[in-house]
Amino acid sequence: MSFAMYWATGYPIYGPIVLGARLFFVVILQYLYDLSDREVEEQITFNRAFKWFSGLSAGEFSPDHTTLCRFRQRSGDEGQGHFRVMLN
């Protein structure tokens, strides 16, 4: 992935690993509190504890519900299985 894309759009220069780790923590919150994609998006927007756990600063936007859905789809069944084993 080219970091020039982030520079040109004005987004912070984070690599895919940092973004994936943040989304992973969001999915953990979603699993623990039994929230839908839209509900966890709203909680991160309004709840500072959720925002802090996700690694977001106060000024950053929460991940969109479609971003969370795509993240889970890309991790596949095998990734979801590993995730459930870690939390159980």
PDB file of N, CA and C in Angstrom:
ATOM      1  N   MET A   1       0.856  -1.178   0.000  1.00  0.00           N
ATOM      2  CA  MET A   1       0.000   0.000   0.000  1.00  0.00           C
ATOM      3  C   MET A   1       0.894   1.230   0.000  1.00  0.00           C
ATOM      4  N   SER A   2       0.539   2.169  -0.801  1.00  0.00           N
ATOM      5  CA  SER A   2       1.323   3.381  -0.925  1.00  0.00           C
ATOM      6  C   SER A   2       0.899   4.406   0.120  1.00  0.00           C
ATOM      7  N   PHE A   3       1.893   4.920   0.846  1.00  0.00           N
ATOM      8  CA  PHE A   3       1.597   5.952   1.837  1.00  0.00           C
ATOM      9  C   PHE A   3       1.341   7.302   1.178  1.00  0.00           C
ATOM     10  N   ALA A   4       1.676   7.420  -0.111  1.00  0.00           N
ATOM     11  CA  ALA A   4       1.416   8.672  -0.829  1.00  0.00           C
ATOM     12  C   ALA A   4      -0.082   8.950  -0.909  1.00  0.00           C
ATOM     13  N   MET A   5      -0.885   7.901  -0.965  1.00  0.00           N
ATOM     14  CA  MET A   5      -2.331   8.066  -1.016  1.00  0.00           C
ATOM     15  C   MET A   5      -2.820   8.768   0.256  1.00  0.00           C
ATOM     16  N   TYR A   6      -2.300   8.338   1.417  1.00  0.00           N
ATOM     17  CA  TYR A   6      -2.706   8.958   2.664  1.00  0.00           C
ATOM     18  C   TYR A   6      -2.229  10.401   2.739  1.00  0.00           C
ATOM     19  N   TRP A   7      -1.047  10.649   2.248  1.00  0.00           N
ATOM     20  CA  TRP A   7      -0.494  12.004   2.279  1.00  0.00           C
ATOM     21  C   TRP A   7      -1.330  12.938   1.411  1.00  0.00           C
ATOM     22  N   ALA A   8      -1.737  12.466   0.251  1.00  0.00           N
ATOM     23  CA  ALA A   8      -2.495  13.300  -0.683  1.00  0.00           C
ATOM     24  C   ALA A   8      -3.901  13.595  -0.173  1.00  0.00           C
ATOM     25  N   THR A   9      -4.505  12.659   0.567  1.00  0.00           N
ATOM     26  CA  THR A   9      -5.873  12.856   1.039  1.00  0.00           C
ATOM     27  C   THR A   9      -5.932  13.561   2.380  1.00  0.00           C
ATOM     28  N   GLY A  10      -4.812  13.702   3.052  1.00  0.00           N
ATOM     29  CA  GLY A  10      -4.791  14.391   4.329  1.00  0.00           C
ATOM     30  C   GLY A  10      -5.014  13.491   5.519  1.00  0.00           C
ATOM     31  N   TYR A  11      -5.154  12.179   5.301  1.00  0.00           N
ATOM     32  CA  TYR A  11      -5.315  11.252   6.413  1.00  0.00           C
ATOM     33  C   TYR A  11      -3.975  11.041   7.101  1.00  0.00           C
ATOM     34  N   PRO A  12      -3.974  10.708   8.388  1.00  0.00           N
ATOM     35  CA  PRO A  12      -2.712  10.398   9.054  1.00  0.00           C
ATOM     36  C   PRO A  12      -2.028   9.218   8.373  1.00  0.00           C
ATOM     37  N   ILE A  13      -0.721   9.209   8.418  1.00  0.00           N
ATOM     38  CA  ILE A  13       0.027   8.154   7.750  1.00  0.00           C
ATOM     39  C   ILE A  13       0.125   6.964   8.691  1.00  0.00           C
ATOM     40  N   TYR A  14      -0.862   6.079   8.628  1.00  0.00           N
ATOM     41  CA  TYR A  14      -0.858   4.831   9.369  1.00  0.00           C
ATOM     42  C   TYR A  14      -0.789   3.708   8.361  1.00  0.00           C
ATOM     43  N   GLY A  15      -0.057   2.715   8.682  1.00  0.00           N
ATOM     44  CA  GLY A  15       0.008   1.556   7.810  1.00  0.00           C
ATOM     45  C   GLY A  15      -1.195   0.662   8.011  1.00  0.00           C
ATOM     46  N   PRO A  16      -1.341  -0.316   7.153  1.00  0.00           N
ATOM     47  CA  PRO A  16      -2.473  -1.234   7.263  1.00  0.00           C
ATOM     48  C   PRO A  16      -2.464  -2.030   8.561  1.00  0.00           C
ATOM     49  N   ILE A  17      -1.292  -2.257   9.147  1.00  0.00           N
ATOM     50  CA  ILE A  17      -1.216  -3.012  10.399  1.00  0.00           C
ATOM     51  C   ILE A  17      -1.860  -2.226  11.530  1.00  0.00           C
ATOM     52  N   VAL A  18      -1.584  -0.927  11.611  1.00  0.00           N
ATOM     53  CA  VAL A  18      -2.167  -0.090  12.664  1.00  0.00           C
ATOM     54  C   VAL A  18      -3.680  -0.009  12.491  1.00  0.00           C
ATOM     55  N   LEU A  19      -4.142   0.178  11.280  1.00  0.00           N
ATOM     56  CA  LEU A  19      -5.583   0.247  11.028  1.00  0.00           C
ATOM     57  C   LEU A  19      -6.258  -1.085  11.331  1.00  0.00           C
ATOM     58  N   GLY A  20      -5.626  -2.180  10.970  1.00  0.00           N
ATOM     59  CA  GLY A  20      -6.177  -3.499  11.263  1.00  0.00           C
ATOM     60  C   GLY A  20      -6.244  -3.765  12.755  1.00  0.00           C
ATOM     61  N   ALA A  21      -5.235  -3.316  13.495  1.00  0.00           N
ATOM     62  CA  ALA A  21      -5.243  -3.500  14.949  1.00  0.00           C
ATOM     63  C   ALA A  21      -6.378  -2.709  15.581  1.00  0.00           C
ATOM     64  N   ARG A  22      -6.608  -1.500  15.109  1.00  0.00           N
ATOM     65  CA  ARG A  22      -7.713  -0.698  15.642  1.00  0.00           C
ATOM     66  C   ARG A  22      -9.053  -1.372  15.360  1.00  0.00           C
ATOM     67  N   LEU A  23      -9.221  -1.859  14.162  1.00  0.00           N
ATOM     68  CA  LEU A  23     -10.471  -2.533  13.817  1.00  0.00           C
ATOM     69  C   LEU A  23     -10.639  -3.820  14.619  1.00  0.00           C
ATOM     70  N   PHE A  24      -9.540  -4.492  14.904  1.00  0.00           N
ATOM     71  CA  PHE A  24      -9.603  -5.697  15.712  1.00  0.00           C
ATOM     72  C   PHE A  24     -10.131  -5.374  17.111  1.00  0.00           C
ATOM     73  N   PHE A  25      -9.659  -4.285  17.705  1.00  0.00           N
ATOM     74  CA  PHE A  25     -10.146  -3.890  19.032  1.00  0.00           C
ATOM     75  C   PHE A  25     -11.614  -3.480  18.982  1.00  0.00           C
ATOM     76  N   VAL A  26     -12.037  -2.883  17.890  1.00  0.00           N
ATOM     77  CA  VAL A  26     -13.458  -2.543  17.737  1.00  0.00           C
ATOM     78  C   VAL A  26     -14.299  -3.817  17.677  1.00  0.00           C
ATOM     79  N   VAL A  27     -13.818  -4.824  16.964  1.00  0.00           N
ATOM     80  CA  VAL A  27     -14.553  -6.092  16.872  1.00  0.00           C
ATOM     81  C   VAL A  27     -14.593  -6.780  18.234  1.00  0.00           C
ATOM     82  N   ILE A  28     -13.543  -6.640  19.031  1.00  0.00           N
ATOM     83  CA  ILE A  28     -13.560  -7.188  20.390  1.00  0.00           C
ATOM     84  C   ILE A  28     -14.674  -6.534  21.197  1.00  0.00           C
ATOM     85  N   LEU A  29     -14.768  -5.205  21.144  1.00  0.00           N
ATOM     86  CA  LEU A  29     -15.844  -4.507  21.849  1.00  0.00           C
ATOM     87  C   LEU A  29     -17.210  -4.967  21.357  1.00  0.00           C
ATOM     88  N   GLN A  30     -17.310  -5.122  20.068  1.00  0.00           N
ATOM     89  CA  GLN A  30     -18.569  -5.546  19.465  1.00  0.00           C
ATOM     90  C   GLN A  30     -18.966  -6.936  19.960  1.00  0.00           C
ATOM     91  N   TYR A  31     -18.013  -7.815  20.063  1.00  0.00           N
ATOM     92  CA  TYR A  31     -18.276  -9.173  20.534  1.00  0.00           C
ATOM     93  C   TYR A  31     -18.634  -9.188  22.023  1.00  0.00           C
ATOM     94  N   LEU A  32     -17.873  -8.452  22.835  1.00  0.00           N
ATOM     95  CA  LEU A  32     -18.092  -8.465  24.281  1.00  0.00           C
ATOM     96  C   LEU A  32     -19.423  -7.854  24.689  1.00  0.00           C
ATOM     97  N   TYR A  33     -19.838  -6.797  23.988  1.00  0.00           N
ATOM     98  CA  TYR A  33     -21.078  -6.108  24.345  1.00  0.00           C
ATOM     99  C   TYR A  33     -22.255  -6.499  23.447  1.00  0.00           C
ATOM    100  N   ASP A  34     -22.042  -7.461  22.552  1.00  0.00           N
ATOM    101  CA  ASP A  34     -23.086  -7.964  21.661  1.00  0.00           C
ATOM    102  C   ASP A  34     -23.764  -6.816  20.903  1.00  0.00           C
ATOM    103  N   LEU A  35     -22.943  -6.051  20.174  1.00  0.00           N
ATOM    104  CA  LEU A  35     -23.422  -4.880  19.446  1.00  0.00           C
ATOM    105  C   LEU A  35     -23.392  -5.140  17.946  1.00  0.00           C
ATOM    106  N   SER A  36     -24.310  -4.511  17.235  1.00  0.00           N
ATOM    107  CA  SER A  36     -24.288  -4.554  15.774  1.00  0.00           C
ATOM    108  C   SER A  36     -23.221  -3.582  15.274  1.00  0.00           C
ATOM    109  N   ASP A  37     -22.975  -3.612  13.981  1.00  0.00           N
ATOM    110  CA  ASP A  37     -21.989  -2.690  13.407  1.00  0.00           C
ATOM    111  C   ASP A  37     -22.394  -1.240  13.653  1.00  0.00           C
ATOM    112  N   ARG A  38     -23.641  -0.935  13.449  1.00  0.00           N
ATOM    113  CA  ARG A  38     -24.118   0.439  13.644  1.00  0.00           C
ATOM    114  C   ARG A  38     -24.080   0.844  15.121  1.00  0.00           C
ATOM    115  N   GLU A  39     -24.402  -0.092  16.004  1.00  0.00           N
ATOM    116  CA  GLU A  39     -24.385   0.218  17.436  1.00  0.00           C
ATOM    117  C   GLU A  39     -22.969   0.476  17.939  1.00  0.00           C
ATOM    118  N   VAL A  40     -22.001  -0.319  17.503  1.00  0.00           N
ATOM    119  CA  VAL A  40     -20.631  -0.102  17.952  1.00  0.00           C
ATOM    120  C   VAL A  40     -20.080   1.197  17.361  1.00  0.00           C
ATOM    121  N   GLU A  41     -20.482   1.532  16.150  1.00  0.00           N
ATOM    122  CA  GLU A  41     -20.086   2.808  15.556  1.00  0.00           C
ATOM    123  C   GLU A  41     -20.601   3.970  16.411  1.00  0.00           C
ATOM    124  N   GLU A  42     -21.848   3.883  16.840  1.00  0.00           N
ATOM    125  CA  GLU A  42     -22.437   4.931  17.681  1.00  0.00           C
ATOM    126  C   GLU A  42     -21.761   4.990  19.051  1.00  0.00           C
ATOM    127  N   GLN A  43     -21.473   3.833  19.638  1.00  0.00           N
ATOM    128  CA  GLN A  43     -20.822   3.809  20.950  1.00  0.00           C
ATOM    129  C   GLN A  43     -19.429   4.433  20.891  1.00  0.00           C
ATOM    130  N   ILE A  44     -18.683   4.152  19.827  1.00  0.00           N
ATOM    131  CA  ILE A  44     -17.345   4.733  19.701  1.00  0.00           C
ATOM    132  C   ILE A  44     -17.440   6.243  19.506  1.00  0.00           C
ATOM    133  N   THR A  45     -18.482   6.689  18.830  1.00  0.00           N
ATOM    134  CA  THR A  45     -18.660   8.120  18.612  1.00  0.00           C
ATOM    135  C   THR A  45     -18.950   8.851  19.918  1.00  0.00           C
ATOM    136  N   PHE A  46     -19.790   8.275  20.785  1.00  0.00           N
ATOM    137  CA  PHE A  46     -20.261   8.984  21.969  1.00  0.00           C
ATOM    138  C   PHE A  46     -19.662   8.513  23.291  1.00  0.00           C
ATOM    139  N   ASN A  47     -19.015   7.368  23.339  1.00  0.00           N
ATOM    140  CA  ASN A  47     -18.493   6.810  24.573  1.00  0.00           C
ATOM    141  C   ASN A  47     -16.965   6.876  24.543  1.00  0.00           C
ATOM    142  N   ARG A  48     -16.389   7.668  25.436  1.00  0.00           N
ATOM    143  CA  ARG A  48     -14.930   7.846  25.427  1.00  0.00           C
ATOM    144  C   ARG A  48     -14.175   6.575  25.782  1.00  0.00           C
ATOM    145  N   ALA A  49     -14.753   5.742  26.617  1.00  0.00           N
ATOM    146  CA  ALA A  49     -14.077   4.493  26.972  1.00  0.00           C
ATOM    147  C   ALA A  49     -13.943   3.586  25.743  1.00  0.00           C
ATOM    148  N   PHE A  50     -14.983   3.517  24.940  1.00  0.00           N
ATOM    149  CA  PHE A  50     -14.931   2.729  23.704  1.00  0.00           C
ATOM    150  C   PHE A  50     -13.891   3.321  22.756  1.00  0.00           C
ATOM    151  N   LYS A  51     -13.874   4.637  22.654  1.00  0.00           N
ATOM    152  CA  LYS A  51     -12.936   5.313  21.751  1.00  0.00           C
ATOM    153  C   LYS A  51     -11.497   5.067  22.208  1.00  0.00           C
ATOM    154  N   TRP A  52     -11.264   5.143  23.513  1.00  0.00           N
ATOM    155  CA  TRP A  52      -9.920   4.928  24.052  1.00  0.00           C
ATOM    156  C   TRP A  52      -9.472   3.493  23.799  1.00  0.00           C
ATOM    157  N   PHE A  53     -10.353   2.523  24.083  1.00  0.00           N
ATOM    158  CA  PHE A  53      -9.999   1.117  23.889  1.00  0.00           C
ATOM    159  C   PHE A  53      -9.694   0.826  22.433  1.00  0.00           C
ATOM    160  N   SER A  54     -10.358   1.516  21.530  1.00  0.00           N
ATOM    161  CA  SER A  54     -10.145   1.313  20.095  1.00  0.00           C
ATOM    162  C   SER A  54      -8.875   1.972  19.589  1.00  0.00           C
ATOM    163  N   GLY A  55      -8.227   2.763  20.438  1.00  0.00           N
ATOM    164  CA  GLY A  55      -6.989   3.425  20.031  1.00  0.00           C
ATOM    165  C   GLY A  55      -7.207   4.713  19.267  1.00  0.00           C
ATOM    166  N   LEU A  56      -8.397   5.278  19.359  1.00  0.00           N
ATOM    167  CA  LEU A  56      -8.698   6.515  18.651  1.00  0.00           C
ATOM    168  C   LEU A  56      -8.567   7.704  19.594  1.00  0.00           C
ATOM    169  N   SER A  57      -8.077   8.816  19.083  1.00  0.00           N
ATOM    170  CA  SER A  57      -8.018  10.029  19.886  1.00  0.00           C
ATOM    171  C   SER A  57      -9.390  10.702  19.871  1.00  0.00           C
ATOM    172  N   ALA A  58      -9.554  11.700  20.710  1.00  0.00           N
ATOM    173  CA  ALA A  58     -10.863  12.353  20.856  1.00  0.00           C
ATOM    174  C   ALA A  58     -11.338  12.984  19.550  1.00  0.00           C
ATOM    175  N   GLY A  59     -10.442  13.444  18.715  1.00  0.00           N
ATOM    176  CA  GLY A  59     -10.825  14.115  17.485  1.00  0.00           C
ATOM    177  C   GLY A  59     -11.035  13.206  16.288  1.00  0.00           C
ATOM    178  N   GLU A  60     -10.691  11.945  16.417  1.00  0.00           N
ATOM    179  CA  GLU A  60     -10.809  11.026  15.285  1.00  0.00           C
ATOM    180  C   GLU A  60     -12.228  10.476  15.175  1.00  0.00           C
ATOM    181  N   PHE A  61     -12.629  10.211  13.953  1.00  0.00           N
ATOM    182  CA  PHE A  61     -13.947   9.645  13.693  1.00  0.00           C
ATOM    183  C   PHE A  61     -13.933   8.145  13.944  1.00  0.00           C
ATOM    184  N   SER A  62     -15.085   7.618  14.312  1.00  0.00           N
ATOM    185  CA  SER A  62     -15.187   6.169  14.501  1.00  0.00           C
ATOM    186  C   SER A  62     -15.252   5.485  13.139  1.00  0.00           C
ATOM    187  N   PRO A  63     -14.843   4.223  13.069  1.00  0.00           N
ATOM    188  CA  PRO A  63     -14.938   3.510  11.801  1.00  0.00           C
ATOM    189  C   PRO A  63     -16.395   3.335  11.382  1.00  0.00           C
ATOM    190  N   ASP A  64     -16.632   3.435  10.117  1.00  0.00           N
ATOM    191  CA  ASP A  64     -17.969   3.278   9.563  1.00  0.00           C
ATOM    192  C   ASP A  64     -18.416   1.822   9.689  1.00  0.00           C
ATOM    193  N   HIS A  65     -19.731   1.607   9.752  1.00  0.00           N
ATOM    194  CA  HIS A  65     -20.246   0.247   9.882  1.00  0.00           C
ATOM    195  C   HIS A  65     -19.879  -0.621   8.685  1.00  0.00           C
ATOM    196  N   THR A  66     -19.773  -0.049   7.504  1.00  0.00           N
ATOM    197  CA  THR A  66     -19.380  -0.841   6.336  1.00  0.00           C
ATOM    198  C   THR A  66     -17.911  -1.246   6.423  1.00  0.00           C
ATOM    199  N   THR A  67     -17.079  -0.404   7.033  1.00  0.00           N
ATOM    200  CA  THR A  67     -15.666  -0.740   7.223  1.00  0.00           C
ATOM    201  C   THR A  67     -15.535  -1.954   8.128  1.00  0.00           C
ATOM    202  N   LEU A  68     -16.339  -1.992   9.190  1.00  0.00           N
ATOM    203  CA  LEU A  68     -16.310  -3.135  10.105  1.00  0.00           C
ATOM    204  C   LEU A  68     -16.774  -4.412   9.408  1.00  0.00           C
ATOM    205  N   CYS A  69     -17.809  -4.289   8.609  1.00  0.00           N
ATOM    206  CA  CYS A  69     -18.330  -5.446   7.873  1.00  0.00           C
ATOM    207  C   CYS A  69     -17.280  -5.977   6.899  1.00  0.00           C
ATOM    208  N   ARG A  70     -16.629  -5.102   6.183  1.00  0.00           N
ATOM    209  CA  ARG A  70     -15.596  -5.519   5.225  1.00  0.00           C
ATOM    210  C   ARG A  70     -14.398  -6.136   5.936  1.00  0.00           C
ATOM    211  N   PHE A  71     -14.047  -5.581   7.106  1.00  0.00           N
ATOM    212  CA  PHE A  71     -12.931  -6.131   7.875  1.00  0.00           C
ATOM    213  C   PHE A  71     -13.214  -7.573   8.273  1.00  0.00           C
ATOM    214  N   ARG A  72     -14.420  -7.848   8.745  1.00  0.00           N
ATOM    215  CA  ARG A  72     -14.794  -9.207   9.129  1.00  0.00           C
ATOM    216  C   ARG A  72     -14.841 -10.125   7.913  1.00  0.00           C
ATOM    217  N   GLN A  73     -15.345  -9.632   6.791  1.00  0.00           N
ATOM    218  CA  GLN A  73     -15.404 -10.450   5.572  1.00  0.00           C
ATOM    219  C   GLN A  73     -14.005 -10.809   5.095  1.00  0.00           C
ATOM    220  N   ARG A  74     -13.091  -9.862   5.173  1.00  0.00           N
ATOM    221  CA  ARG A  74     -11.723 -10.118   4.705  1.00  0.00           C
ATOM    222  C   ARG A  74     -10.971 -11.065   5.630  1.00  0.00           C
ATOM    223  N   SER A  75     -11.338 -11.068   6.920  1.00  0.00           N
ATOM    224  CA  SER A  75     -10.673 -11.994   7.833  1.00  0.00           C
ATOM    225  C   SER A  75     -11.131 -13.429   7.590  1.00  0.00           C
ATOM    226  N   GLY A  76     -12.323 -13.587   7.017  1.00  0.00           N
ATOM    227  CA  GLY A  76     -12.817 -14.899   6.632  1.00  0.00           C
ATOM    228  C   GLY A  76     -13.247 -15.752   7.809  1.00  0.00           C
ATOM    229  N   ASP A  77     -13.686 -16.942   7.499  1.00  0.00           N
ATOM    230  CA  ASP A  77     -14.150 -17.881   8.522  1.00  0.00           C
ATOM    231  C   ASP A  77     -13.011 -18.316   9.438  1.00  0.00           C
ATOM    232  N   GLU A  78     -11.839 -18.502   8.860  1.00  0.00           N
ATOM    233  CA  GLU A  78     -10.699 -18.929   9.662  1.00  0.00           C
ATOM    234  C   GLU A  78     -10.321 -17.861  10.686  1.00  0.00           C
ATOM    235  N   GLY A  79     -10.306 -16.602  10.264  1.00  0.00           N
ATOM    236  CA  GLY A  79      -9.999 -15.512  11.186  1.00  0.00           C
ATOM    237  C   GLY A  79     -11.034 -15.375  12.281  1.00  0.00           C
ATOM    238  N   GLN A  80     -12.306 -15.551  11.930  1.00  0.00           N
ATOM    239  CA  GLN A  80     -13.378 -15.484  12.923  1.00  0.00           C
ATOM    240  C   GLN A  80     -13.255 -16.629  13.919  1.00  0.00           C
ATOM    241  N   GLY A  81     -12.864 -17.796  13.447  1.00  0.00           N
ATOM    242  CA  GLY A  81     -12.668 -18.936  14.344  1.00  0.00           C
ATOM    243  C   GLY A  81     -11.560 -18.687  15.344  1.00  0.00           C
ATOM    244  N   HIS A  82     -10.441 -18.135  14.880  1.00  0.00           N
ATOM    245  CA  HIS A  82      -9.329 -17.799  15.775  1.00  0.00           C
ATOM    246  C   HIS A  82      -9.757 -16.748  16.794  1.00  0.00           C
ATOM    247  N   PHE A  83     -10.537 -15.801  16.350  1.00  0.00           N
ATOM    248  CA  PHE A  83     -11.017 -14.736  17.221  1.00  0.00           C
ATOM    249  C   PHE A  83     -11.886 -15.307  18.343  1.00  0.00           C
ATOM    250  N   ARG A  84     -12.798 -16.188  18.007  1.00  0.00           N
ATOM    251  CA  ARG A  84     -13.687 -16.791  19.024  1.00  0.00           C
ATOM    252  C   ARG A  84     -12.912 -17.656  19.997  1.00  0.00           C
ATOM    253  N   VAL A  85     -11.885 -18.355  19.512  1.00  0.00           N
ATOM    254  CA  VAL A  85     -11.068 -19.198  20.392  1.00  0.00           C
ATOM    255  C   VAL A  85     -10.319 -18.316  21.392  1.00  0.00           C
ATOM    256  N   MET A  86      -9.810 -17.185  20.952  1.00  0.00           N
ATOM    257  CA  MET A  86      -9.064 -16.288  21.845  1.00  0.00           C
ATOM    258  C   MET A  86      -9.953 -15.714  22.939  1.00  0.00           C
ATOM    259  N   LEU A  87     -11.205 -15.417  22.640  1.00  0.00           N
ATOM    260  CA  LEU A  87     -12.080 -14.778  23.615  1.00  0.00           C
ATOM    261  C   LEU A  87     -12.839 -15.762  24.494  1.00  0.00           C
ATOM    262  N   ASN A  88     -12.838 -17.015  24.147  1.00  0.00           N
ATOM    263  CA  ASN A  88     -13.560 -17.993  24.984  1.00  0.00           C
ATOM    264  C   ASN A  88     -12.643 -18.697  25.939  1.00  0.00           C
TER     265      ASN A  88
END
